[in-house]
Protein backbone atom coordinates (compact mmCIF):
# COMPACT_ATOMS: atom_id res chain seq x y z
CA UNK A 1 0.42 0.00 -0.11
CA UNK A 2 1.16 3.51 -0.45
CA UNK A 3 0.99 6.16 1.88
CA UNK A 4 0.40 9.14 0.50
CA UNK A 5 3.02 12.30 -0.02
CA UNK A 6 1.21 15.14 1.50
CA UNK A 7 -1.16 14.97 4.20
CA UNK A 8 -3.55 18.24 5.06
CA UNK A 9 -3.48 18.62 8.84
CA UNK A 10 -6.73 20.05 10.00
CA UNK A 11 -6.08 21.82 13.54
CA UNK A 12 -9.44 21.47 15.16
CA UNK A 13 -7.91 22.88 18.76
CA UNK A 14 -9.52 25.83 19.35
CA UNK A 15 -12.72 24.71 18.80
CA UNK A 16 -13.31 20.78 19.40
CA UNK A 17 -10.14 20.90 21.92
CA UNK A 18 -11.05 24.01 24.45
CA UNK A 19 -14.89 23.70 23.84
CA UNK A 20 -14.24 20.40 26.41
CA UNK A 21 -12.80 22.85 29.29
CA UNK A 22 -14.49 23.73 31.76
CA UNK A 23 -13.19 26.83 32.93
CA UNK A 24 -13.62 29.46 30.18
CA UNK A 25 -10.85 30.33 27.94
CA UNK A 26 -10.45 34.10 27.53
CA UNK A 27 -10.87 35.50 24.06
CA UNK A 28 -7.80 37.19 23.56
CA UNK A 29 -5.81 33.84 24.25
CA UNK A 30 -7.85 32.32 21.63
CA UNK A 31 -7.05 34.40 19.05
CA UNK A 32 -3.14 34.25 20.45
CA UNK A 33 -3.67 30.33 19.90
CA UNK A 34 -4.98 30.65 16.69
CA UNK A 35 -2.29 33.26 15.29
CA UNK A 36 0.35 31.07 16.99
CA UNK A 37 -1.33 27.89 14.92
CA UNK A 38 -1.23 29.98 11.80
CA UNK A 39 2.59 30.89 11.59
CA UNK A 40 3.10 27.38 11.95
CA UNK A 41 2.29 26.96 8.24
CA UNK A 42 -1.48 25.30 9.08
CA UNK A 43 -3.76 25.86 6.52
CA UNK A 44 -7.24 24.53 8.40
CA UNK A 45 -7.50 25.95 11.80
CA UNK A 46 -11.52 25.74 13.53
CA UNK A 47 -11.71 29.20 14.67
CA UNK A 48 -15.15 28.09 16.94
CA UNK A 49 -18.67 27.52 16.81
CA UNK A 50 -21.79 29.22 16.45
CA UNK A 51 -23.71 27.45 18.88
CA UNK A 52 -26.09 28.55 21.88
CA UNK A 53 -24.48 29.67 24.75
CA UNK A 54 -26.56 27.89 26.62
CA UNK A 55 -25.08 24.57 25.26
CA UNK A 56 -21.87 25.32 24.94
CA UNK A 57 -20.41 29.04 26.69
CA UNK A 58 -17.06 28.19 25.60
CA UNK A 59 -17.46 29.28 22.34
CA UNK A 60 -20.15 31.93 23.25
CA UNK A 61 -17.22 34.77 21.81
CA UNK A 62 -16.37 33.14 18.47
CA UNK A 63 -17.81 36.16 16.40
CA UNK A 64 -14.90 38.53 18.79
CA UNK A 65 -12.05 35.64 18.21
CA UNK A 66 -13.08 36.16 14.08
CA UNK A 67 -13.00 39.64 13.75
CA UNK A 68 -9.49 39.31 15.99
CA UNK A 69 -7.28 36.96 14.34
CA UNK A 70 -5.03 37.35 11.80
CA UNK A 71 -6.10 35.75 9.06
CA UNK A 72 -2.78 34.16 7.27
CA UNK A 73 -3.63 34.00 3.66
CA UNK A 74 -4.68 30.73 1.88
CA UNK A 75 -5.31 29.39 5.35
CA UNK A 76 -9.15 29.31 6.35
CA UNK A 77 -10.74 29.32 9.41
CA UNK A 78 -13.99 27.32 9.57
CA UNK A 79 -16.99 27.26 12.04
CA UNK A 80 -19.43 25.03 13.09
CA UNK A 81 -23.13 25.59 12.20
CA UNK A 82 -26.04 23.71 13.51
CA UNK A 83 -28.44 25.47 12.54
CA UNK A 84 -29.94 29.10 10.51
CA UNK A 85 -29.47 31.16 13.03
CA UNK A 86 -25.65 29.82 13.70
CA UNK A 87 -25.53 30.57 9.70
CA UNK A 88 -27.00 34.04 10.09
CA UNK A 89 -24.13 34.57 12.76
CA UNK A 90 -21.31 32.99 11.03
CA UNK A 91 -21.99 35.36 7.83
CA UNK A 92 -22.19 38.05 9.82
CA UNK A 93 -18.75 37.45 11.70
CA UNK A 94 -17.49 36.99 7.58
CA UNK A 95 -16.69 33.06 8.25
CA UNK A 96 -16.14 31.94 4.66
CA UNK A 97 -16.44 28.14 6.25
CA UNK A 98 -18.54 26.19 8.30
CA UNK A 99 -19.01 23.07 9.06
CA UNK A 100 -22.25 20.87 9.54
CA UNK A 101 -22.30 17.60 12.34
CA UNK A 102 -24.51 14.63 12.15
CA UNK A 103 -23.91 11.39 13.69
CA UNK A 104 -23.67 7.76 12.55
CA UNK A 105 -26.14 6.67 15.76
CA UNK A 106 -29.59 7.15 16.30
CA UNK A 107 -28.99 7.30 20.28
CA UNK A 108 -25.94 9.74 19.66
CA UNK A 109 -27.58 12.37 17.42
CA UNK A 110 -31.13 12.35 19.72
CA UNK A 111 -28.81 13.21 23.21
CA UNK A 112 -25.94 15.32 21.44
CA UNK A 113 -28.51 17.24 19.58
CA UNK A 114 -32.14 16.30 20.46
CA UNK A 115 -32.98 15.57 16.96
CA UNK A 116 -32.89 11.86 14.64
CA UNK A 117 -30.33 11.26 11.98
CA UNK A 118 -33.04 12.14 9.60
CA UNK A 119 -34.55 15.27 11.03
CA UNK A 120 -30.24 16.88 11.44
CA UNK A 121 -29.58 15.68 7.81
CA UNK A 122 -33.33 17.79 7.18
CA UNK A 123 -31.96 20.59 9.36
CA UNK A 124 -28.39 20.83 6.90
CA UNK A 125 -29.85 20.66 4.03
CA UNK A 126 -31.54 23.74 4.42
CA UNK A 127 -28.29 25.44 6.05
CA UNK A 128 -26.30 24.29 3.30
CA UNK A 129 -28.16 25.39 0.68
CA UNK A 130 -28.27 29.15 2.18
CA UNK A 131 -24.35 28.77 2.66
CA UNK A 132 -23.75 27.65 -1.16
CA UNK A 133 -26.16 30.46 -1.69
CA UNK A 134 -23.51 32.96 0.35
CA UNK A 135 -20.45 31.03 -1.98
CA UNK A 136 -19.33 29.84 1.68
CA UNK A 137 -17.27 26.29 1.79
CA UNK A 138 -19.10 23.89 3.83
CA UNK A 139 -17.58 20.55 5.64
CA UNK A 140 -19.33 17.71 7.12
CA UNK A 141 -18.74 15.87 10.28
CA UNK A 142 -20.18 12.30 11.39
CA UNK A 143 -20.11 11.46 15.10
CA UNK A 144 -19.71 7.75 16.42
CA UNK A 145 -18.46 6.36 12.69
CA UNK A 146 -17.06 2.54 13.99
CA UNK A 147 -18.59 2.66 18.02
CA UNK A 148 -21.00 4.80 20.30
CA UNK A 149 -21.20 5.09 23.27
CA UNK A 150 -25.11 3.47 23.73
CA UNK A 151 -25.61 1.35 20.95
CA UNK A 152 -21.90 -0.28 20.99
CA UNK A 153 -20.64 -0.91 17.25
CA UNK A 154 -21.58 0.99 14.57
CA UNK A 155 -22.12 -0.54 10.75
CA UNK A 156 -19.99 0.96 8.22
CA UNK A 157 -23.33 1.00 6.04
CA UNK A 158 -24.88 3.88 8.43
CA UNK A 159 -21.96 5.90 8.14
CA UNK A 160 -21.78 5.56 4.31
CA UNK A 161 -25.64 6.81 4.25
CA UNK A 162 -25.02 9.93 6.14
CA UNK A 163 -21.71 10.59 4.53
CA UNK A 164 -23.55 10.08 1.36
CA UNK A 165 -25.84 12.58 2.61
CA UNK A 166 -23.27 15.40 3.68
CA UNK A 167 -21.25 15.23 0.40
CA UNK A 168 -25.08 15.30 -1.92
CA UNK A 169 -25.65 18.70 0.23
CA UNK A 170 -22.76 20.18 -1.03
CA UNK A 171 -20.08 19.52 1.91
CA UNK A 172 -16.41 19.25 -0.32
CA UNK A 173 -15.43 16.53 2.57
CA UNK A 174 -16.75 14.45 5.23
CA UNK A 175 -14.92 13.86 8.34
CA UNK A 176 -15.11 10.77 10.12
CA UNK A 177 -14.91 11.17 14.03
CA UNK A 178 -14.43 8.29 16.11
CA UNK A 179 -15.71 10.44 18.71
CA UNK A 180 -15.04 7.83 21.66
CA UNK A 181 -11.35 6.68 21.20
CA UNK A 182 -12.41 3.16 21.23
CA UNK A 183 -11.51 1.89 17.59
CA UNK A 184 -8.84 -0.55 16.25
CA UNK A 185 -6.84 -0.09 13.06
CA UNK A 186 -8.25 -2.78 11.69
CA UNK A 187 -12.35 -1.39 12.15
CA UNK A 188 -10.57 1.50 10.58
CA UNK A 189 -9.60 0.02 7.53
CA UNK A 190 -12.74 -1.90 7.26
CA UNK A 191 -15.08 1.16 7.95
CA UNK A 192 -12.73 3.01 5.43
CA UNK A 193 -12.67 0.14 2.85
CA UNK A 194 -16.52 0.48 2.82
CA UNK A 195 -16.98 3.98 2.10
CA UNK A 196 -14.70 4.01 -0.53
CA UNK A 197 -16.12 2.06 -2.89
CA UNK A 198 -18.44 4.68 -3.58
CA UNK A 199 -16.83 7.93 -1.98
CA UNK A 200 -13.86 9.03 -3.71
CA UNK A 201 -10.97 9.02 -0.92
CA UNK A 202 -10.11 12.98 -1.55
CA UNK A 203 -13.10 13.70 0.17
CA UNK A 204 -12.77 11.80 3.63
CA UNK A 205 -10.92 13.16 6.45
CA UNK A 206 -10.24 11.22 9.82
CA UNK A 207 -10.52 12.00 13.24
CA UNK A 208 -9.83 9.90 16.03
CA UNK A 209 -9.68 10.34 20.07
CA UNK A 210 -7.15 8.56 22.16
CA UNK A 211 -8.79 6.78 25.17
CA UNK A 212 -7.31 3.33 24.53
CA UNK A 213 -4.20 4.67 23.36
CA UNK A 214 -4.68 4.20 19.24
CA UNK A 215 -5.03 7.74 17.96
CA UNK A 216 -1.95 7.24 16.24
CA UNK A 217 -2.50 3.99 14.77
CA UNK A 218 -5.78 4.42 13.47
CA UNK A 219 -4.15 7.30 11.64
CA UNK A 220 -1.16 5.95 10.25
CA UNK A 221 -4.05 2.78 9.30
CA UNK A 222 -5.88 5.45 7.10
CA UNK A 223 -3.16 6.70 5.33
CA UNK A 224 -2.36 3.23 4.48
CA UNK A 225 -5.51 3.09 2.50
CA UNK A 226 -4.83 6.43 0.73
CA UNK A 227 -6.83 9.17 3.44
CA UNK A 228 -4.48 12.26 2.99
CA UNK A 229 -6.96 14.60 5.05
CA UNK A 230 -5.96 13.95 9.46
CA UNK A 231 -8.28 16.25 12.06
CA UNK A 232 -5.72 16.94 14.84
CA UNK A 233 -6.51 19.11 18.36
CA UNK A 234 -2.74 20.88 19.99
CA UNK A 235 -1.53 19.12 23.17
CA UNK A 236 -4.40 16.82 22.29
CA UNK A 237 -6.86 19.24 23.91
CA UNK A 238 -10.72 17.11 23.39
CA UNK A 239 -12.98 15.21 24.45
CA UNK A 240 -16.86 14.61 23.52
CA UNK A 241 -18.78 16.12 26.38
CA UNK A 242 -21.69 13.33 25.03
CA UNK A 243 -19.75 10.20 24.94
CA UNK A 244 -18.70 9.36 28.32
CA UNK A 245 -15.23 8.25 29.17
CA UNK A 246 -13.77 9.98 25.82
CA UNK A 247 -10.20 11.69 26.25
CA UNK A 248 -8.45 14.20 24.19
CA UNK A 249 -7.88 14.13 20.35
CA UNK A 250 -4.80 12.95 18.82
CA UNK A 251 -2.45 15.47 19.78
CA UNK A 252 -1.35 17.90 16.48
CA UNK A 253 2.71 17.58 17.66
CA UNK A 254 2.04 13.60 17.45
CA UNK A 255 0.90 13.58 13.94
CA UNK A 256 3.50 15.74 13.16
CA UNK A 257 6.15 13.64 14.08
CA UNK A 258 4.92 10.78 12.75
CA UNK A 259 4.24 12.18 9.42
CA UNK A 260 7.87 13.42 9.63
CA UNK A 261 9.51 10.20 10.43
CA UNK A 262 7.25 8.58 7.15
CA UNK A 263 8.63 11.77 5.09
CA UNK A 264 5.06 12.74 4.25
CA UNK A 265 5.05 16.65 3.50
CA UNK A 266 2.24 18.77 5.54
CA UNK A 267 3.73 22.58 5.21
CA UNK A 268 3.67 22.51 9.13
CA UNK A 269 6.82 23.39 10.37
């Protein structure tokens, strides 16, 4: 199997990482974090999310963060958007890229966003239509792609269904979220092998948590099957408030160290 020669790192620390912190991080610290990450050569850095402050108070200042960061040329700063209200706020804050998030687990979807999978996808159809009308780019996320804290093992076909729906709405890429960090490399490769029968590899990304210490091994397993976009979080920040026991995301510096050792180009210093 031939490894990719170039991998795109998607830095999720300022959003997916910080949102799991119980102590509110000051806006100026978030801005400085993003600015420093930008200077490393990272070209995709999640800047925040426009969700209700009632549910995710850590992200209440996303508009201020977007207004204050130093945007690097050729870099994108996507924000998570759950509904039309969030899209309106993202547009007002001059966001150019949004992300929408669905789940492959029915129970997780209901607990996470209080909607079934089909209800969530119907909501995102409206959001995506409006975003494309305003020339915004859209990334999709899928949670619980291999294991769910409530339902156990998830069938690859369930993931394929959600991924194809998100791509049909105009998402340029779908990130496969291994939400509770339980998956092993063999399970990762079985999932990817199913998806790439119908979806181009360059429209898939991987997003691993490290609860069982499998995240780097899972990244390598995905690379072996030609996946060349990897989500990661500086210092391994993160977790999932709706997935009991899940620890942080795979650390950006660890992924970068491995990729450098494999002579895979990232453009990140």
